[in-house]
Amino acid sequence: VQLQASGGGLVQPGGSLRLSCVGSGILISRYNVGWYRQGPGKQRELVAINKILGETNYADSVKGRFTISRDNRENTVDLQLNSLQSADTGVYYCYVGLRSVAHWGQGTQVTVSS
């Protein structure tokens, strides 16, 4: 199983990015999918998760700014990041899992700075 994440970069406050994660060796349609992030000196935290039956949850800090989406045919999970703030800086990891199964992407760096 491989999860390949891309789309990170350096962006100014207020800017946007789109992260994408493509899975191979796994059918994401059978799992919950999500994005986590780890900021400098912080623990990894949940950003957004989309569950098999369609329920979607966001961290309070990103509600209204970030949108998670999945494409089961393309086996991809995307995260649209809008109105970025310096507090959004960190390494973003895609996640695919259910119950005791958890697969992680390699992480993509998002830096929000002027």
N, C-alpha and C. Protein backbone atom coordinates (compact mmCIF):
# COMPACT_ATOMS: atom_id res chain seq x y z
N VAL A 1 0.85 -1.19 0.00
CA VAL A 1 0.00 0.00 0.00
C VAL A 1 0.88 1.23 0.00
N GLN A 2 0.55 2.16 -0.89
CA GLN A 2 1.27 3.44 -0.93
C GLN A 2 0.28 4.57 -1.04
N LEU A 3 0.54 5.64 -0.28
CA LEU A 3 -0.22 6.87 -0.37
C LEU A 3 0.76 7.98 -0.72
N GLN A 4 0.58 8.57 -1.89
CA GLN A 4 1.49 9.59 -2.37
C GLN A 4 0.81 10.95 -2.29
N ALA A 5 1.34 11.80 -1.40
CA ALA A 5 0.76 13.13 -1.21
C ALA A 5 1.55 14.17 -1.98
N SER A 6 0.86 15.20 -2.44
CA SER A 6 1.51 16.28 -3.17
C SER A 6 0.71 17.56 -3.00
N GLY A 7 1.30 18.67 -3.43
CA GLY A 7 0.57 19.92 -3.46
C GLY A 7 0.98 20.93 -2.41
N GLY A 8 1.87 20.57 -1.50
CA GLY A 8 2.30 21.52 -0.49
C GLY A 8 3.19 22.60 -1.09
N GLY A 9 3.52 23.58 -0.26
CA GLY A 9 4.39 24.64 -0.73
C GLY A 9 4.36 25.83 0.19
N LEU A 10 4.95 26.92 -0.29
CA LEU A 10 5.00 28.19 0.45
C LEU A 10 3.91 29.11 -0.09
N VAL A 11 3.11 29.66 0.80
CA VAL A 11 2.02 30.53 0.38
C VAL A 11 1.89 31.67 1.38
N GLN A 12 1.45 32.81 0.91
CA GLN A 12 1.26 33.96 1.78
C GLN A 12 -0.04 33.82 2.59
N PRO A 13 -0.12 34.48 3.73
CA PRO A 13 -1.38 34.47 4.49
C PRO A 13 -2.54 34.92 3.61
N GLY A 14 -3.65 34.20 3.75
CA GLY A 14 -4.81 34.50 2.91
C GLY A 14 -4.85 33.73 1.62
N GLY A 15 -3.77 33.05 1.29
CA GLY A 15 -3.68 32.29 0.05
C GLY A 15 -4.33 30.93 0.14
N SER A 16 -4.21 30.18 -0.96
CA SER A 16 -4.84 28.86 -1.07
C SER A 16 -3.85 27.83 -1.59
N LEU A 17 -4.12 26.60 -1.22
CA LEU A 17 -3.38 25.45 -1.75
C LEU A 17 -4.36 24.30 -1.90
N ARG A 18 -3.99 23.35 -2.73
CA ARG A 18 -4.78 22.13 -2.85
C ARG A 18 -3.84 20.95 -2.70
N LEU A 19 -4.09 20.14 -1.71
CA LEU A 19 -3.30 18.94 -1.48
C LEU A 19 -4.02 17.75 -2.09
N SER A 20 -3.24 16.82 -2.63
CA SER A 20 -3.82 15.63 -3.22
C SER A 20 -3.07 14.40 -2.75
N CYS A 21 -3.79 13.32 -2.57
CA CYS A 21 -3.19 12.07 -2.13
C CYS A 21 -3.78 10.95 -3.00
N VAL A 22 -2.90 10.21 -3.64
CA VAL A 22 -3.37 9.10 -4.49
C VAL A 22 -2.92 7.79 -3.87
N GLY A 23 -3.85 6.85 -3.79
CA GLY A 23 -3.56 5.56 -3.20
C GLY A 23 -3.29 4.51 -4.24
N SER A 24 -2.36 3.62 -3.92
CA SER A 24 -2.12 2.46 -4.77
C SER A 24 -2.04 1.24 -3.87
N GLY A 25 -2.57 0.12 -4.37
CA GLY A 25 -2.59 -1.09 -3.56
C GLY A 25 -3.68 -1.11 -2.52
N ILE A 26 -4.61 -0.18 -2.63
CA ILE A 26 -5.71 -0.08 -1.68
C ILE A 26 -6.89 0.59 -2.36
N LEU A 27 -8.09 0.17 -2.03
CA LEU A 27 -9.29 0.80 -2.55
C LEU A 27 -9.84 1.72 -1.46
N ILE A 28 -9.67 3.02 -1.66
CA ILE A 28 -10.06 3.95 -0.59
C ILE A 28 -11.56 3.96 -0.35
N SER A 29 -12.32 3.45 -1.31
CA SER A 29 -13.78 3.42 -1.14
C SER A 29 -14.19 2.56 0.06
N ARG A 30 -13.31 1.69 0.51
CA ARG A 30 -13.63 0.80 1.62
C ARG A 30 -13.19 1.35 2.97
N TYR A 31 -12.68 2.57 2.96
CA TYR A 31 -12.10 3.12 4.18
C TYR A 31 -12.53 4.56 4.44
N ASN A 32 -12.33 4.97 5.69
CA ASN A 32 -12.36 6.40 6.00
C ASN A 32 -11.08 7.03 5.44
N VAL A 33 -11.18 8.27 5.03
CA VAL A 33 -10.01 8.98 4.51
C VAL A 33 -9.92 10.33 5.20
N GLY A 34 -8.70 10.82 5.34
CA GLY A 34 -8.56 12.09 6.03
C GLY A 34 -7.19 12.72 5.84
N TRP A 35 -7.07 13.89 6.45
CA TRP A 35 -5.80 14.61 6.47
C TRP A 35 -5.49 14.99 7.91
N TYR A 36 -4.25 14.81 8.31
CA TYR A 36 -3.73 15.23 9.60
C TYR A 36 -2.58 16.20 9.34
N ARG A 37 -2.22 16.93 10.35
CA ARG A 37 -1.06 17.81 10.21
C ARG A 37 -0.27 17.84 11.52
N GLN A 38 1.01 18.17 11.37
CA GLN A 38 1.88 18.33 12.53
C GLN A 38 2.64 19.64 12.38
N GLY A 39 2.29 20.60 13.22
CA GLY A 39 2.97 21.88 13.20
C GLY A 39 4.28 21.82 13.96
N PRO A 40 5.12 22.83 13.83
CA PRO A 40 6.41 22.86 14.52
C PRO A 40 6.23 22.74 16.03
N GLY A 41 6.86 21.75 16.63
CA GLY A 41 6.77 21.56 18.07
C GLY A 41 5.43 21.08 18.57
N LYS A 42 4.58 20.62 17.66
CA LYS A 42 3.23 20.18 18.06
C LYS A 42 3.03 18.71 17.73
N GLN A 43 1.98 18.15 18.34
CA GLN A 43 1.62 16.78 18.02
C GLN A 43 0.78 16.75 16.75
N ARG A 44 0.76 15.59 16.12
CA ARG A 44 -0.06 15.43 14.93
C ARG A 44 -1.53 15.56 15.34
N GLU A 45 -2.30 16.29 14.53
CA GLU A 45 -3.70 16.52 14.84
C GLU A 45 -4.56 16.27 13.61
N LEU A 46 -5.80 15.90 13.86
CA LEU A 46 -6.75 15.70 12.77
C LEU A 46 -7.15 17.04 12.19
N VAL A 47 -7.13 17.13 10.86
CA VAL A 47 -7.60 18.32 10.16
C VAL A 47 -9.00 18.08 9.61
N ALA A 48 -9.16 16.97 8.90
CA ALA A 48 -10.46 16.66 8.29
C ALA A 48 -10.53 15.16 8.02
N ILE A 49 -11.74 14.63 8.16
CA ILE A 49 -11.94 13.22 7.86
C ILE A 49 -13.27 13.02 7.15
N ASN A 50 -13.24 12.15 6.17
CA ASN A 50 -14.44 11.79 5.42
C ASN A 50 -14.67 10.29 5.59
N LYS A 51 -15.81 9.95 6.17
CA LYS A 51 -16.06 8.56 6.50
C LYS A 51 -16.78 7.84 5.35
N ILE A 52 -16.78 6.53 5.42
CA ILE A 52 -17.31 5.70 4.33
C ILE A 52 -18.75 6.09 4.00
N LEU A 53 -19.57 6.33 5.01
CA LEU A 53 -20.98 6.62 4.77
C LEU A 53 -21.24 8.09 4.47
N GLY A 54 -20.17 8.87 4.35
CA GLY A 54 -20.32 10.24 3.89
C GLY A 54 -20.16 11.32 4.95
N GLU A 55 -20.18 10.93 6.23
CA GLU A 55 -20.01 11.94 7.28
C GLU A 55 -18.63 12.57 7.17
N THR A 56 -18.58 13.88 7.31
CA THR A 56 -17.32 14.62 7.24
C THR A 56 -17.17 15.47 8.49
N ASN A 57 -15.97 15.46 9.06
CA ASN A 57 -15.70 16.26 10.25
C ASN A 57 -14.43 17.07 10.04
N TYR A 58 -14.42 18.26 10.60
CA TYR A 58 -13.27 19.15 10.50
C TYR A 58 -12.83 19.60 11.88
N ALA A 59 -11.54 19.89 12.02
CA ALA A 59 -11.07 20.55 13.22
C ALA A 59 -11.72 21.93 13.28
N ASP A 60 -12.03 22.39 14.48
CA ASP A 60 -12.68 23.70 14.61
C ASP A 60 -11.87 24.81 13.97
N SER A 61 -10.55 24.68 14.03
CA SER A 61 -9.68 25.74 13.53
C SER A 61 -9.71 25.89 12.00
N VAL A 62 -10.24 24.88 11.30
CA VAL A 62 -10.23 24.95 9.83
C VAL A 62 -11.64 24.98 9.24
N LYS A 63 -12.65 24.88 10.06
CA LYS A 63 -14.03 24.87 9.55
C LYS A 63 -14.30 26.14 8.75
N GLY A 64 -14.91 25.94 7.58
CA GLY A 64 -15.23 27.08 6.72
C GLY A 64 -14.09 27.51 5.82
N ARG A 65 -12.90 26.95 6.05
CA ARG A 65 -11.74 27.32 5.22
C ARG A 65 -11.20 26.14 4.42
N PHE A 66 -11.27 24.96 4.98
CA PHE A 66 -10.74 23.76 4.33
C PHE A 66 -11.89 22.87 3.88
N THR A 67 -11.68 22.15 2.78
CA THR A 67 -12.67 21.21 2.29
C THR A 67 -11.99 19.92 1.87
N ILE A 68 -12.46 18.81 2.42
CA ILE A 68 -11.94 17.51 2.03
C ILE A 68 -12.87 16.89 1.01
N SER A 69 -12.28 16.18 0.06
CA SER A 69 -13.08 15.47 -0.93
C SER A 69 -12.38 14.19 -1.32
N ARG A 70 -13.14 13.23 -1.76
CA ARG A 70 -12.57 11.98 -2.23
C ARG A 70 -13.13 11.65 -3.61
N ASP A 71 -12.33 10.95 -4.39
CA ASP A 71 -12.78 10.44 -5.68
C ASP A 71 -12.47 8.95 -5.68
N ASN A 72 -13.47 8.15 -5.42
CA ASN A 72 -13.24 6.71 -5.29
C ASN A 72 -12.82 6.07 -6.62
N ARG A 73 -13.24 6.65 -7.72
CA ARG A 73 -12.83 6.08 -9.01
C ARG A 73 -11.36 6.34 -9.29
N GLU A 74 -10.91 7.53 -8.93
CA GLU A 74 -9.50 7.87 -9.13
C GLU A 74 -8.63 7.44 -7.95
N ASN A 75 -9.27 7.00 -6.86
CA ASN A 75 -8.56 6.57 -5.65
C ASN A 75 -7.76 7.72 -5.04
N THR A 76 -8.37 8.91 -5.00
CA THR A 76 -7.68 10.07 -4.49
C THR A 76 -8.47 10.75 -3.36
N VAL A 77 -7.72 11.44 -2.52
CA VAL A 77 -8.27 12.25 -1.44
C VAL A 77 -7.64 13.63 -1.54
N ASP A 78 -8.44 14.65 -1.66
CA ASP A 78 -7.93 16.01 -1.78
C ASP A 78 -8.31 16.84 -0.57
N LEU A 79 -7.52 17.87 -0.34
CA LEU A 79 -7.83 18.85 0.70
C LEU A 79 -7.60 20.23 0.12
N GLN A 80 -8.67 21.00 0.01
CA GLN A 80 -8.59 22.39 -0.45
C GLN A 80 -8.41 23.28 0.76
N LEU A 81 -7.34 24.06 0.76
CA LEU A 81 -7.03 24.94 1.87
C LEU A 81 -7.17 26.39 1.41
N ASN A 82 -8.11 27.10 1.98
CA ASN A 82 -8.33 28.51 1.65
C ASN A 82 -8.11 29.39 2.87
N SER A 83 -7.91 30.66 2.62
CA SER A 83 -7.72 31.64 3.70
C SER A 83 -6.66 31.16 4.69
N LEU A 84 -5.54 30.75 4.16
CA LEU A 84 -4.50 30.16 4.99
C LEU A 84 -3.93 31.16 5.98
N GLN A 85 -3.58 30.63 7.15
CA GLN A 85 -3.02 31.43 8.24
C GLN A 85 -1.68 30.83 8.64
N SER A 86 -0.86 31.62 9.32
CA SER A 86 0.44 31.11 9.75
C SER A 86 0.29 29.87 10.64
N ALA A 87 -0.81 29.80 11.39
CA ALA A 87 -1.04 28.65 12.27
C ALA A 87 -1.30 27.37 11.49
N ASP A 88 -1.54 27.48 10.19
CA ASP A 88 -1.76 26.28 9.36
C ASP A 88 -0.45 25.65 8.90
N THR A 89 0.65 26.30 9.19
CA THR A 89 1.95 25.76 8.80
C THR A 89 2.20 24.41 9.44
N GLY A 90 2.71 23.48 8.64
CA GLY A 90 3.02 22.16 9.16
C GLY A 90 3.18 21.15 8.06
N VAL A 91 3.44 19.92 8.46
CA VAL A 91 3.49 18.82 7.51
C VAL A 91 2.12 18.15 7.51
N TYR A 92 1.56 17.99 6.33
CA TYR A 92 0.23 17.43 6.18
C TYR A 92 0.34 15.99 5.69
N TYR A 93 -0.38 15.10 6.38
CA TYR A 93 -0.33 13.68 6.07
C TYR A 93 -1.72 13.19 5.66
N CYS A 94 -1.79 12.45 4.58
CA CYS A 94 -3.06 11.83 4.25
C CYS A 94 -3.17 10.50 4.98
N TYR A 95 -4.40 10.12 5.25
CA TYR A 95 -4.70 8.94 6.06
C TYR A 95 -5.81 8.16 5.37
N VAL A 96 -5.64 6.85 5.36
CA VAL A 96 -6.68 5.94 4.90
C VAL A 96 -6.76 4.80 5.90
N GLY A 97 -7.92 4.58 6.47
CA GLY A 97 -8.00 3.54 7.48
C GLY A 97 -9.39 3.28 7.96
N LEU A 98 -9.48 2.24 8.80
CA LEU A 98 -10.74 1.86 9.41
C LEU A 98 -10.43 0.89 10.54
N ARG A 99 -10.97 1.17 11.70
CA ARG A 99 -10.74 0.35 12.91
C ARG A 99 -9.22 0.22 13.12
N SER A 100 -8.69 -0.96 13.12
CA SER A 100 -7.27 -1.14 13.44
C SER A 100 -6.35 -0.93 12.25
N VAL A 101 -6.91 -0.67 11.09
CA VAL A 101 -6.11 -0.48 9.88
C VAL A 101 -5.83 1.00 9.69
N ALA A 102 -4.57 1.36 9.49
CA ALA A 102 -4.20 2.76 9.28
C ALA A 102 -3.04 2.83 8.32
N HIS A 103 -3.22 3.58 7.25
CA HIS A 103 -2.14 3.82 6.28
C HIS A 103 -1.90 5.31 6.19
N TRP A 104 -0.65 5.68 6.08
CA TRP A 104 -0.27 7.09 6.06
C TRP A 104 0.56 7.42 4.82
N GLY A 105 0.35 8.61 4.30
CA GLY A 105 1.21 9.13 3.24
C GLY A 105 2.50 9.67 3.85
N GLN A 106 3.40 10.09 2.98
CA GLN A 106 4.73 10.51 3.44
C GLN A 106 4.76 11.93 3.98
N GLY A 107 3.70 12.68 3.80
CA GLY A 107 3.67 14.05 4.30
C GLY A 107 4.08 15.05 3.24
N THR A 108 3.43 16.19 3.26
CA THR A 108 3.77 17.29 2.37
C THR A 108 3.77 18.58 3.18
N GLN A 109 4.81 19.39 2.99
CA GLN A 109 5.01 20.59 3.81
C GLN A 109 4.17 21.74 3.30
N VAL A 110 3.45 22.37 4.21
CA VAL A 110 2.72 23.61 3.93
C VAL A 110 3.30 24.69 4.83
N THR A 111 3.77 25.75 4.20
CA THR A 111 4.33 26.87 4.95
C THR A 111 3.58 28.14 4.57
N VAL A 112 3.00 28.78 5.58
CA VAL A 112 2.25 30.02 5.36
C VAL A 112 3.06 31.16 5.98
N SER A 113 3.57 32.01 5.11
CA SER A 113 4.44 33.08 5.58
C SER A 113 4.48 34.20 4.56
N SER A 114 4.61 35.42 5.06
CA SER A 114 4.75 36.56 4.16
C SER A 114 6.23 36.85 3.91
